[in-house]
Amino acid sequence: MWNNKVNRKKENIIKVLSLFDGIACGRVALERAEINVDKYYAFETDPNPIKVAQDNYPNIIQCGDVFDSDFTEFKHIDILIGGSPCTYWSKAKAHTAKIKKEMDTEGIGWKLFERYLLALKNAKPKYFLYENNEGIPDDIKTAITKSLKVEPIMINSNLVSAQNRKRLYWTNIPNITQPEDKNIFIKDIMVEDPGLIKTDERIGKTAIRSKNYMKYDLSGKGYYSQQDRAYFKEGKFPTVPKCRTETKFNIYIEGSTYKKTCPIEIERLQTLPDDYTKCLPKTRRFEVVGNGWTVDVIAWILSFIHKQ
């Protein structure tokens, strides 16, 4: 469990504006950082994340689409948080002319970020926190930094969880340091479930050991695809994705045996409470968690408010 050893000052109850709120990982982080929340206003349009957020925090005030507000009504808030979708800035998708148009400050990715800038301008919060993928193009990083007037802090979630997830955080909360390494590995987040243990003799016949996983060829065609690998219990998973998590995140046991991951394990990779997404079907649970934040990283950053 996340534990912040900062000596607390008595905090006033704060009001929060969250853009691109998803499953309200920011709300969980505020609670974990022991910051009292009066009102939490959330902008989100995807029904599945909204369902999860409301299931855990019924008092969240859902505000709809970020394009439907100028945010002037939120001048009373204390902190603005959010991370606009990075899909449109993915380097992996920059191989077509159509996608390349989204890689600059004229595409939909930037238009989404501009909504955050508008909220920052019109709501005038005391604090702000903006997050995005460390892998976005350098020109986008530079443009974000110029717009927010603060340098980003890179924190890898592997310090507080069993996944590697490098993210950039732009914030005016001062004096942020790196979290202490908790030395959490896959074995520490595993759920005992005999029903998820699988054996396939093709693994033993084709297995090749890599640094972090055992890869094998179930197709018989020499593909060694991403879904044909199982990660070592003593190591870390890669970044939890939005899609096909259930097929990509296997855990190697021994020989030809591996374990499929379950939603609780994926929640633990994002340091969410167990069964936080239980209101959704299994596949949807994987998706919404992959799109979320690593809660303990956000809680760590927010905890520095107590030092002011």
C-alpha atoms as a PDB file:
ATOM      1  CA  MET A   1       0.000   0.000   0.000  1.00  0.00           C
ATOM      2  CA  TRP A   2       1.220   3.493  -0.837  1.00  0.00           C
ATOM      3  CA  ASN A   3       2.483   5.304   2.189  1.00  0.00           C
ATOM      4  CA  ASN A   4       3.474   8.951   2.239  1.00  0.00           C
ATOM      5  CA  LYS A   5       5.725   9.852   5.170  1.00  0.00           C
ATOM      6  CA  VAL A   6       5.364  13.607   4.728  1.00  0.00           C
ATOM      7  CA  ASN A   7       4.410  15.468   7.898  1.00  0.00           C
ATOM      8  CA  ARG A   8       0.917  16.770   7.183  1.00  0.00           C
ATOM      9  CA  LYS A   9      -0.245  20.328   7.471  1.00  0.00           C
ATOM     10  CA  LYS A  10      -3.930  20.759   8.012  1.00  0.00           C
ATOM     11  CA  GLU A  11      -5.458  21.125   4.553  1.00  0.00           C
ATOM     12  CA  ASN A  12      -8.591  22.914   3.508  1.00  0.00           C
ATOM     13  CA  ILE A  13     -11.096  20.876   1.571  1.00  0.00           C
ATOM     14  CA  ILE A  14     -10.302  21.426  -2.100  1.00  0.00           C
ATOM     15  CA  LYS A  15     -12.255  21.530  -5.350  1.00  0.00           C
ATOM     16  CA  VAL A  16     -10.909  19.632  -8.334  1.00  0.00           C
ATOM     17  CA  LEU A  17     -11.401  19.899 -12.093  1.00  0.00           C
ATOM     18  CA  SER A  18     -10.355  16.777 -14.006  1.00  0.00           C
ATOM     19  CA  LEU A  19     -10.204  16.761 -17.806  1.00  0.00           C
ATOM     20  CA  PHE A  20     -10.115  13.467 -19.760  1.00  0.00           C
ATOM     21  CA  ASP A  21     -10.962  11.895 -16.410  1.00  0.00           C
ATOM     22  CA  GLY A  22     -11.320   8.262 -17.515  1.00  0.00           C
ATOM     23  CA  ILE A  23     -11.903   5.976 -14.524  1.00  0.00           C
ATOM     24  CA  ALA A  24     -11.081   8.760 -12.034  1.00  0.00           C
ATOM     25  CA  CYS A  25      -7.567   7.602 -11.149  1.00  0.00           C
ATOM     26  CA  GLY A  26      -6.978  11.188 -10.069  1.00  0.00           C
ATOM     27  CA  ARG A  27      -9.729  10.880  -7.485  1.00  0.00           C
ATOM     28  CA  VAL A  28      -8.156   7.711  -6.093  1.00  0.00           C
ATOM     29  CA  ALA A  29      -4.766   9.447  -5.964  1.00  0.00           C
ATOM     30  CA  LEU A  30      -6.144  12.437  -4.062  1.00  0.00           C
ATOM     31  CA  GLU A  31      -7.632  10.100  -1.492  1.00  0.00           C
ATOM     32  CA  ARG A  32      -4.385   8.168  -1.216  1.00  0.00           C
ATOM     33  CA  ALA A  33      -2.438  11.398  -0.796  1.00  0.00           C
ATOM     34  CA  GLU A  34      -4.805  12.287   2.061  1.00  0.00           C
ATOM     35  CA  ILE A  35      -6.104  15.394   0.327  1.00  0.00           C
ATOM     36  CA  ASN A  36      -9.695  16.151   1.243  1.00  0.00           C
ATOM     37  CA  VAL A  37     -11.974  16.725  -1.736  1.00  0.00           C
ATOM     38  CA  ASP A  38     -15.114  18.830  -1.584  1.00  0.00           C
ATOM     39  CA  LYS A  39     -16.159  18.793  -5.247  1.00  0.00           C
ATOM     40  CA  TYR A  40     -14.671  16.752  -8.086  1.00  0.00           C
ATOM     41  CA  TYR A  41     -15.740  17.870 -11.562  1.00  0.00           C
ATOM     42  CA  ALA A  42     -14.948  15.408 -14.330  1.00  0.00           C
ATOM     43  CA  PHE A  43     -14.994  15.793 -18.096  1.00  0.00           C
ATOM     44  CA  GLU A  44     -15.299  12.415 -19.835  1.00  0.00           C
ATOM     45  CA  THR A  45     -17.410  11.051 -22.698  1.00  0.00           C
ATOM     46  CA  ASP A  46     -16.662   7.301 -22.766  1.00  0.00           C
ATOM     47  CA  PRO A  47     -19.505   5.474 -20.951  1.00  0.00           C
ATOM     48  CA  ASN A  48     -17.368   2.597 -19.625  1.00  0.00           C
ATOM     49  CA  PRO A  49     -14.858   4.736 -17.701  1.00  0.00           C
ATOM     50  CA  ILE A  50     -17.712   6.916 -16.449  1.00  0.00           C
ATOM     51  CA  LYS A  51     -19.470   3.811 -15.142  1.00  0.00           C
ATOM     52  CA  VAL A  52     -16.341   2.791 -13.209  1.00  0.00           C
ATOM     53  CA  ALA A  53     -15.814   6.298 -11.823  1.00  0.00           C
ATOM     54  CA  GLN A  54     -19.394   6.601 -10.611  1.00  0.00           C
ATOM     55  CA  ASP A  55     -19.395   3.082  -9.180  1.00  0.00           C
ATOM     56  CA  ASN A  56     -16.474   3.998  -6.918  1.00  0.00           C
ATOM     57  CA  TYR A  57     -17.214   7.689  -6.366  1.00  0.00           C
ATOM     58  CA  PRO A  58     -20.936   8.430  -6.806  1.00  0.00           C
ATOM     59  CA  ASN A  59     -20.365  12.075  -5.852  1.00  0.00           C
ATOM     60  CA  ILE A  60     -18.211  12.828  -8.894  1.00  0.00           C
ATOM     61  CA  ILE A  61     -19.912  15.536 -10.966  1.00  0.00           C
ATOM     62  CA  GLN A  62     -19.814  14.437 -14.604  1.00  0.00           C
ATOM     63  CA  CYS A  63     -19.605  17.428 -16.958  1.00  0.00           C
ATOM     64  CA  GLY A  64     -19.496  15.813 -20.406  1.00  0.00           C
ATOM     65  CA  ASP A  65     -17.339  16.800 -23.390  1.00  0.00           C
ATOM     66  CA  VAL A  66     -14.344  19.155 -22.999  1.00  0.00           C
ATOM     67  CA  PHE A  67     -15.405  20.886 -26.224  1.00  0.00           C
ATOM     68  CA  ASP A  68     -18.716  21.933 -24.687  1.00  0.00           C
ATOM     69  CA  SER A  69     -17.312  24.237 -21.998  1.00  0.00           C
ATOM     70  CA  ASP A  70     -15.132  27.314 -21.742  1.00  0.00           C
ATOM     71  CA  PHE A  71     -14.466  26.425 -18.076  1.00  0.00           C
ATOM     72  CA  THR A  72     -15.195  29.907 -16.752  1.00  0.00           C
ATOM     73  CA  GLU A  73     -17.697  28.397 -14.325  1.00  0.00           C
ATOM     74  CA  PHE A  74     -14.841  26.612 -12.535  1.00  0.00           C
ATOM     75  CA  LYS A  75     -12.981  29.666 -11.260  1.00  0.00           C
ATOM     76  CA  HIS A  76     -13.519  28.378  -7.742  1.00  0.00           C
ATOM     77  CA  ILE A  77     -11.428  25.213  -8.214  1.00  0.00           C
ATOM     78  CA  ASP A  78      -8.100  24.623  -6.472  1.00  0.00           C
ATOM     79  CA  ILE A  79      -6.426  22.142  -8.820  1.00  0.00           C
ATOM     80  CA  LEU A  80      -6.715  21.196 -12.489  1.00  0.00           C
ATOM     81  CA  ILE A  81      -5.586  17.697 -13.477  1.00  0.00           C
ATOM     82  CA  GLY A  82      -5.639  15.757 -16.727  1.00  0.00           C
ATOM     83  CA  GLY A  83      -3.768  13.967 -19.466  1.00  0.00           C
ATOM     84  CA  SER A  84      -5.156  14.385 -22.973  1.00  0.00           C
ATOM     85  CA  PRO A  85      -5.222  11.188 -25.102  1.00  0.00           C
ATOM     86  CA  CYS A  86      -1.777  10.480 -26.566  1.00  0.00           C
ATOM     87  CA  THR A  87      -3.056   8.174 -29.338  1.00  0.00           C
ATOM     88  CA  TYR A  88      -2.829  10.934 -31.918  1.00  0.00           C
ATOM     89  CA  TRP A  89       0.819  11.633 -31.037  1.00  0.00           C
ATOM     90  CA  SER A  90       2.027   8.020 -31.076  1.00  0.00           C
ATOM     91  CA  LYS A  91       5.359   7.643 -32.863  1.00  0.00           C
ATOM     92  CA  ALA A  92       4.375   4.100 -33.780  1.00  0.00           C
ATOM     93  CA  LYS A  93       1.494   5.428 -35.872  1.00  0.00           C
ATOM     94  CA  ALA A  94       3.420   8.134 -37.696  1.00  0.00           C
ATOM     95  CA  HIS A  95       4.021   6.036 -40.812  1.00  0.00           C
ATOM     96  CA  THR A  96       1.232   7.423 -42.996  1.00  0.00           C
ATOM     97  CA  ALA A  97       0.660  10.928 -44.338  1.00  0.00           C
ATOM     98  CA  LYS A  98      -2.749  11.048 -42.696  1.00  0.00           C
ATOM     99  CA  ILE A  99      -1.351  10.241 -39.265  1.00  0.00           C
ATOM    100  CA  LYS A 100       1.599  12.625 -39.684  1.00  0.00           C
ATOM    101  CA  LYS A 101      -0.884  15.489 -39.839  1.00  0.00           C
ATOM    102  CA  GLU A 102      -1.840  14.639 -36.256  1.00  0.00           C
ATOM    103  CA  MET A 103       1.758  14.692 -35.061  1.00  0.00           C
ATOM    104  CA  ASP A 104       2.019  18.474 -34.984  1.00  0.00           C
ATOM    105  CA  THR A 105       0.249  21.348 -33.265  1.00  0.00           C
ATOM    106  CA  GLU A 106      -2.574  21.428 -35.802  1.00  0.00           C
ATOM    107  CA  GLY A 107      -4.043  17.937 -35.354  1.00  0.00           C
ATOM    108  CA  ILE A 108      -6.741  16.635 -33.008  1.00  0.00           C
ATOM    109  CA  GLY A 109      -4.128  15.698 -30.384  1.00  0.00           C
ATOM    110  CA  TRP A 110      -3.175  19.350 -30.008  1.00  0.00           C
ATOM    111  CA  LYS A 111      -6.796  20.505 -30.104  1.00  0.00           C
ATOM    112  CA  LEU A 112      -7.473  18.253 -27.113  1.00  0.00           C
ATOM    113  CA  PHE A 113      -4.475  19.692 -25.279  1.00  0.00           C
ATOM    114  CA  GLU A 114      -5.744  23.199 -26.070  1.00  0.00           C
ATOM    115  CA  ARG A 115      -8.871  22.420 -24.056  1.00  0.00           C
ATOM    116  CA  TYR A 116      -6.605  21.838 -21.059  1.00  0.00           C
ATOM    117  CA  LEU A 117      -4.894  25.169 -21.758  1.00  0.00           C
ATOM    118  CA  LEU A 118      -8.280  26.897 -21.940  1.00  0.00           C
ATOM    119  CA  ALA A 119      -9.311  25.380 -18.606  1.00  0.00           C
ATOM    120  CA  LEU A 120      -6.018  26.520 -17.079  1.00  0.00           C
ATOM    121  CA  LYS A 121      -6.530  30.043 -18.422  1.00  0.00           C
ATOM    122  CA  ASN A 122     -10.184  30.472 -17.449  1.00  0.00           C
ATOM    123  CA  ALA A 123     -10.398  28.479 -14.217  1.00  0.00           C
ATOM    124  CA  LYS A 124      -7.119  29.872 -12.841  1.00  0.00           C
ATOM    125  CA  PRO A 125      -6.453  27.044 -10.369  1.00  0.00           C
ATOM    126  CA  LYS A 126      -3.772  27.331  -7.715  1.00  0.00           C
ATOM    127  CA  TYR A 127      -2.215  24.070  -8.877  1.00  0.00           C
ATOM    128  CA  PHE A 128      -2.205  22.124 -12.120  1.00  0.00           C
ATOM    129  CA  LEU A 129      -0.947  18.713 -13.218  1.00  0.00           C
ATOM    130  CA  TYR A 130      -0.768  17.589 -16.836  1.00  0.00           C
ATOM    131  CA  GLU A 131       0.400  14.122 -17.950  1.00  0.00           C
ATOM    132  CA  ASN A 132       1.365  12.530 -21.233  1.00  0.00           C
ATOM    133  CA  ASN A 133       3.419   9.709 -22.707  1.00  0.00           C
ATOM    134  CA  GLU A 134       7.197  10.046 -22.568  1.00  0.00           C
ATOM    135  CA  GLY A 135       7.266   8.680 -26.106  1.00  0.00           C
ATOM    136  CA  ILE A 136       5.419  11.522 -27.815  1.00  0.00           C
ATOM    137  CA  PRO A 137       7.440  13.454 -30.439  1.00  0.00           C
ATOM    138  CA  ASP A 138      10.016  15.941 -29.185  1.00  0.00           C
ATOM    139  CA  ASP A 139       8.382  18.873 -30.961  1.00  0.00           C
ATOM    140  CA  ILE A 140       5.124  18.149 -29.135  1.00  0.00           C
ATOM    141  CA  LYS A 141       6.953  17.934 -25.796  1.00  0.00           C
ATOM    142  CA  THR A 142       8.616  21.263 -26.490  1.00  0.00           C
ATOM    143  CA  ALA A 143       5.339  22.899 -27.462  1.00  0.00           C
ATOM    144  CA  ILE A 144       3.595  21.608 -24.318  1.00  0.00           C
ATOM    145  CA  THR A 145       6.455  22.840 -22.143  1.00  0.00           C
ATOM    146  CA  LYS A 146       6.344  26.257 -23.772  1.00  0.00           C
ATOM    147  CA  SER A 147       2.566  26.456 -23.285  1.00  0.00           C
ATOM    148  CA  LEU A 148       2.578  25.382 -19.626  1.00  0.00           C
ATOM    149  CA  LYS A 149       5.775  27.279 -18.758  1.00  0.00           C
ATOM    150  CA  VAL A 150       7.173  24.438 -16.640  1.00  0.00           C
ATOM    151  CA  GLU A 151       9.618  21.654 -17.453  1.00  0.00           C
ATOM    152  CA  PRO A 152       8.225  18.096 -17.369  1.00  0.00           C
ATOM    153  CA  ILE A 153       9.283  15.501 -14.825  1.00  0.00           C
ATOM    154  CA  MET A 154       9.705  11.945 -16.126  1.00  0.00           C
ATOM    155  CA  ILE A 155       8.652   9.242 -13.682  1.00  0.00           C
ATOM    156  CA  ASN A 156       8.673   5.549 -14.523  1.00  0.00           C
ATOM    157  CA  SER A 157       5.877   3.610 -12.838  1.00  0.00           C
ATOM    158  CA  ASN A 158       8.335   0.765 -12.236  1.00  0.00           C
ATOM    159  CA  LEU A 159       9.399   2.586  -9.069  1.00  0.00           C
ATOM    160  CA  VAL A 160       6.005   1.976  -7.466  1.00  0.00           C
ATOM    161  CA  SER A 161       4.611  -0.981  -9.412  1.00  0.00           C
ATOM    162  CA  ALA A 162       5.459  -4.069 -11.446  1.00  0.00           C
ATOM    163  CA  GLN A 163       5.176  -2.361 -14.840  1.00  0.00           C
ATOM    164  CA  ASN A 164       7.499  -0.166 -16.863  1.00  0.00           C
ATOM    165  CA  ARG A 165       5.535   2.947 -17.784  1.00  0.00           C
ATOM    166  CA  LYS A 166       7.429   6.160 -18.529  1.00  0.00           C
ATOM    167  CA  ARG A 167       5.273   9.257 -18.339  1.00  0.00           C
ATOM    168  CA  LEU A 168       5.926  13.001 -18.324  1.00  0.00           C
ATOM    169  CA  TYR A 169       4.313  15.237 -15.726  1.00  0.00           C
ATOM    170  CA  TRP A 170       4.046  19.012 -16.083  1.00  0.00           C
ATOM    171  CA  THR A 171       3.032  20.683 -12.814  1.00  0.00           C
ATOM    172  CA  ASN A 172       3.456  23.875 -10.809  1.00  0.00           C
ATOM    173  CA  ILE A 173       3.488  21.880  -7.577  1.00  0.00           C
ATOM    174  CA  PRO A 174       7.084  22.620  -6.520  1.00  0.00           C
ATOM    175  CA  ASN A 175      10.021  20.456  -5.515  1.00  0.00           C
ATOM    176  CA  ILE A 176       8.810  17.129  -6.910  1.00  0.00           C
ATOM    177  CA  THR A 177      11.354  14.338  -6.474  1.00  0.00           C
ATOM    178  CA  GLN A 178      11.442  10.773  -7.724  1.00  0.00           C
ATOM    179  CA  PRO A 179       9.463   8.212  -5.676  1.00  0.00           C
ATOM    180  CA  GLU A 180      11.433   5.677  -3.689  1.00  0.00           C
ATOM    181  CA  ASP A 181      11.835   2.355  -5.496  1.00  0.00           C
ATOM    182  CA  LYS A 182       9.497  -0.122  -3.796  1.00  0.00           C
ATOM    183  CA  ASN A 183      11.055  -3.108  -5.603  1.00  0.00           C
ATOM    184  CA  ILE A 184       7.700  -4.531  -6.666  1.00  0.00           C
ATOM    185  CA  PHE A 185       7.824  -7.368  -9.181  1.00  0.00           C
ATOM    186  CA  ILE A 186       5.309  -9.493 -11.059  1.00  0.00           C
ATOM    187  CA  LYS A 187       5.388 -12.146  -8.337  1.00  0.00           C
ATOM    188  CA  ASP A 188       4.187  -9.515  -5.846  1.00  0.00           C
ATOM    189  CA  ILE A 189       0.976  -8.716  -7.743  1.00  0.00           C
ATOM    190  CA  MET A 190      -0.018 -12.245  -8.782  1.00  0.00           C
ATOM    191  CA  VAL A 191      -3.464 -13.651  -7.962  1.00  0.00           C
ATOM    192  CA  GLU A 192      -3.710 -17.377  -7.237  1.00  0.00           C
ATOM    193  CA  ASP A 193      -6.155 -18.819  -9.747  1.00  0.00           C
ATOM    194  CA  PRO A 194      -5.678 -22.426 -10.971  1.00  0.00           C
ATOM    195  CA  GLY A 195      -8.166 -21.746 -13.746  1.00  0.00           C
ATOM    196  CA  LEU A 196      -5.722 -19.325 -15.371  1.00  0.00           C
ATOM    197  CA  ILE A 197      -2.802 -21.781 -15.426  1.00  0.00           C
ATOM    198  CA  LYS A 198      -2.236 -23.099 -18.948  1.00  0.00           C
ATOM    199  CA  THR A 199       0.094 -25.696 -20.414  1.00  0.00           C
ATOM    200  CA  ASP A 200       1.019 -25.903 -24.089  1.00  0.00           C
ATOM    201  CA  GLU A 201       3.712 -28.326 -25.192  1.00  0.00           C
ATOM    202  CA  ARG A 202       4.549 -26.094 -28.143  1.00  0.00           C
ATOM    203  CA  ILE A 203       6.067 -23.657 -25.665  1.00  0.00           C
ATOM    204  CA  GLY A 204       8.697 -26.093 -24.435  1.00  0.00           C
ATOM    205  CA  LYS A 205       9.585 -27.056 -28.018  1.00  0.00           C
ATOM    206  CA  THR A 206      10.045 -23.522 -29.351  1.00  0.00           C
ATOM    207  CA  ALA A 207      10.925 -21.413 -26.284  1.00  0.00           C
ATOM    208  CA  ILE A 208      13.685 -18.819 -26.510  1.00  0.00           C
ATOM    209  CA  ARG A 209      14.741 -17.017 -23.345  1.00  0.00           C
ATOM    210  CA  SER A 210      14.945 -13.227 -23.507  1.00  0.00           C
ATOM    211  CA  LYS A 211      15.932 -10.821 -20.747  1.00  0.00           C
ATOM    212  CA  ASN A 212      12.434 -10.271 -19.348  1.00  0.00           C
ATOM    213  CA  TYR A 213      10.353 -13.062 -20.850  1.00  0.00           C
ATOM    214  CA  MET A 214      10.215 -16.428 -22.544  1.00  0.00           C
ATOM    215  CA  LYS A 215       9.090 -16.167 -26.158  1.00  0.00           C
ATOM    216  CA  TYR A 216       7.721 -19.071 -28.173  1.00  0.00           C
ATOM    217  CA  ASP A 217       6.100 -19.871 -31.494  1.00  0.00           C
ATOM    218  CA  LEU A 218       2.535 -21.178 -31.237  1.00  0.00           C
ATOM    219  CA  SER A 219       1.858 -20.531 -34.919  1.00  0.00           C
ATOM    220  CA  GLY A 220       4.500 -22.948 -36.121  1.00  0.00           C
ATOM    221  CA  LYS A 221       5.558 -20.345 -38.689  1.00  0.00           C
ATOM    222  CA  GLY A 222       8.402 -18.715 -36.819  1.00  0.00           C
ATOM    223  CA  TYR A 223       6.479 -15.541 -35.982  1.00  0.00           C
ATOM    224  CA  TYR A 224       7.186 -15.277 -32.240  1.00  0.00           C
ATOM    225  CA  SER A 225       4.459 -12.650 -31.979  1.00  0.00           C
ATOM    226  CA  GLN A 226       3.968 -10.367 -28.984  1.00  0.00           C
ATOM    227  CA  GLN A 227       1.155 -12.510 -27.640  1.00  0.00           C
ATOM    228  CA  ASP A 228       3.433 -15.567 -27.688  1.00  0.00           C
ATOM    229  CA  ARG A 229       5.539 -14.629 -24.712  1.00  0.00           C
ATOM    230  CA  ALA A 230       5.351 -15.019 -20.939  1.00  0.00           C
ATOM    231  CA  TYR A 231       7.091 -12.671 -18.509  1.00  0.00           C
ATOM    232  CA  PHE A 232       9.285 -13.851 -15.663  1.00  0.00           C
ATOM    233  CA  LYS A 233       7.812 -13.506 -12.172  1.00  0.00           C
ATOM    234  CA  GLU A 234      11.013 -11.908 -10.891  1.00  0.00           C
ATOM    235  CA  GLY A 235      10.781  -9.089 -13.434  1.00  0.00           C
ATOM    236  CA  LYS A 236       8.447  -6.345 -14.621  1.00  0.00           C
ATOM    237  CA  PHE A 237       5.690  -6.176 -17.205  1.00  0.00           C
ATOM    238  CA  PRO A 238       5.841  -3.638 -20.029  1.00  0.00           C
ATOM    239  CA  THR A 239       3.353  -0.759 -20.121  1.00  0.00           C
ATOM    240  CA  VAL A 240      -0.242  -1.894 -19.694  1.00  0.00           C
ATOM    241  CA  PRO A 241      -1.890  -1.217 -23.074  1.00  0.00           C
ATOM    242  CA  LYS A 242      -5.495  -0.470 -23.901  1.00  0.00           C
ATOM    243  CA  CYS A 243      -5.972  -3.342 -26.342  1.00  0.00           C
ATOM    244  CA  ARG A 244      -5.434  -7.118 -26.108  1.00  0.00           C
ATOM    245  CA  THR A 245      -3.937  -6.972 -22.626  1.00  0.00           C
ATOM    246  CA  GLU A 246      -5.331 -10.401 -21.791  1.00  0.00           C
ATOM    247  CA  THR A 247      -3.359 -12.040 -24.606  1.00  0.00           C
ATOM    248  CA  LYS A 248      -0.141 -10.024 -24.193  1.00  0.00           C
ATOM    249  CA  PHE A 249       0.405 -10.278 -20.425  1.00  0.00           C
ATOM    250  CA  ASN A 250       1.174 -13.895 -19.604  1.00  0.00           C
ATOM    251  CA  ILE A 251       3.316 -14.954 -16.654  1.00  0.00           C
ATOM    252  CA  TYR A 252       5.901 -17.712 -17.115  1.00  0.00           C
ATOM    253  CA  ILE A 253       5.721 -20.545 -14.594  1.00  0.00           C
ATOM    254  CA  GLU A 254       8.066 -23.278 -15.837  1.00  0.00           C
ATOM    255  CA  GLY A 255       8.578 -25.631 -18.756  1.00  0.00           C
ATOM    256  CA  SER A 256       5.522 -25.373 -20.991  1.00  0.00           C
ATOM    257  CA  THR A 257       3.337 -23.775 -18.325  1.00  0.00           C
ATOM    258  CA  TYR A 258       2.260 -20.157 -17.973  1.00  0.00           C
ATOM    259  CA  LYS A 259      -0.475 -18.145 -16.273  1.00  0.00           C
ATOM    260  CA  LYS A 260      -2.889 -15.752 -17.952  1.00  0.00           C
ATOM    261  CA  THR A 261      -3.397 -12.437 -16.188  1.00  0.00           C
ATOM    262  CA  CYS A 262      -6.681 -11.383 -14.608  1.00  0.00           C
ATOM    263  CA  PRO A 263      -8.210  -7.899 -14.194  1.00  0.00           C
ATOM    264  CA  ILE A 264      -7.102  -7.594 -10.561  1.00  0.00           C
ATOM    265  CA  GLU A 265      -3.475  -8.106 -11.543  1.00  0.00           C
ATOM    266  CA  ILE A 266      -3.758  -5.412 -14.208  1.00  0.00           C
ATOM    267  CA  GLU A 267      -5.388  -3.101 -11.649  1.00  0.00           C
ATOM    268  CA  ARG A 268      -2.457  -3.755  -9.326  1.00  0.00           C
ATOM    269  CA  LEU A 269      -0.029  -2.813 -12.097  1.00  0.00           C
ATOM    270  CA  GLN A 270      -1.728   0.596 -12.112  1.00  0.00           C
ATOM    271  CA  THR A 271      -1.777   0.523  -8.271  1.00  0.00           C
ATOM    272  CA  LEU A 272      -5.577   0.693  -8.259  1.00  0.00           C
ATOM    273  CA  PRO A 273      -7.633  -0.972  -5.512  1.00  0.00           C
ATOM    274  CA  ASP A 274      -8.518  -4.601  -6.209  1.00  0.00           C
ATOM    275  CA  ASP A 275     -11.759  -4.931  -8.189  1.00  0.00           C
ATOM    276  CA  TYR A 276     -11.918  -1.191  -8.830  1.00  0.00           C
ATOM    277  CA  THR A 277     -13.331  -1.936 -12.292  1.00  0.00           C
ATOM    278  CA  LYS A 278     -15.553  -4.856 -11.281  1.00  0.00           C
ATOM    279  CA  CYS A 279     -18.695  -3.186 -12.660  1.00  0.00           C
ATOM    280  CA  LEU A 280     -17.502  -3.896 -16.228  1.00  0.00           C
ATOM    281  CA  PRO A 281     -17.075  -7.123 -18.241  1.00  0.00           C
ATOM    282  CA  LYS A 282     -13.539  -8.530 -18.189  1.00  0.00           C
ATOM    283  CA  THR A 283     -12.356  -7.278 -21.587  1.00  0.00           C
ATOM    284  CA  ARG A 284     -13.629  -3.767 -20.892  1.00  0.00           C
ATOM    285  CA  ARG A 285     -11.841  -3.826 -17.521  1.00  0.00           C
ATOM    286  CA  PHE A 286      -8.493  -4.369 -19.218  1.00  0.00           C
ATOM    287  CA  GLU A 287      -9.204  -1.526 -21.648  1.00  0.00           C
ATOM    288  CA  VAL A 288     -10.133   1.153 -19.120  1.00  0.00           C
ATOM    289  CA  VAL A 289      -7.233   0.304 -16.798  1.00  0.00           C
ATOM    290  CA  GLY A 290      -4.756   0.518 -19.669  1.00  0.00           C
ATOM    291  CA  ASN A 291      -6.012   4.018 -20.437  1.00  0.00           C
ATOM    292  CA  GLY A 292      -5.659   5.163 -16.841  1.00  0.00           C
ATOM    293  CA  TRP A 293      -2.920   6.585 -14.649  1.00  0.00           C
ATOM    294  CA  THR A 294      -0.591   4.798 -12.255  1.00  0.00           C
ATOM    295  CA  VAL A 295      -2.318   5.985  -9.097  1.00  0.00           C
ATOM    296  CA  ASP A 296       0.685   5.880  -6.773  1.00  0.00           C
ATOM    297  CA  VAL A 297       2.724   8.120  -9.088  1.00  0.00           C
ATOM    298  CA  ILE A 298      -0.054  10.715  -9.119  1.00  0.00           C
ATOM    299  CA  ALA A 299      -0.503  10.403  -5.353  1.00  0.00           C
ATOM    300  CA  TRP A 300       3.240  10.950  -4.895  1.00  0.00           C
ATOM    301  CA  ILE A 301       3.172  14.156  -6.946  1.00  0.00           C
ATOM    302  CA  LEU A 302       0.052  15.468  -5.214  1.00  0.00           C
ATOM    303  CA  SER A 303       1.528  14.727  -1.796  1.00  0.00           C
ATOM    304  CA  PHE A 304       3.952  17.625  -2.293  1.00  0.00           C
ATOM    305  CA  ILE A 305       1.021  19.981  -1.865  1.00  0.00           C
ATOM    306  CA  HIS A 306       1.238  19.093   1.827  1.00  0.00           C
ATOM    307  CA  LYS A 307       4.728  20.564   1.947  1.00  0.00           C
ATOM    308  CA  GLN A 308       3.596  24.038   0.921  1.00  0.00           C
END
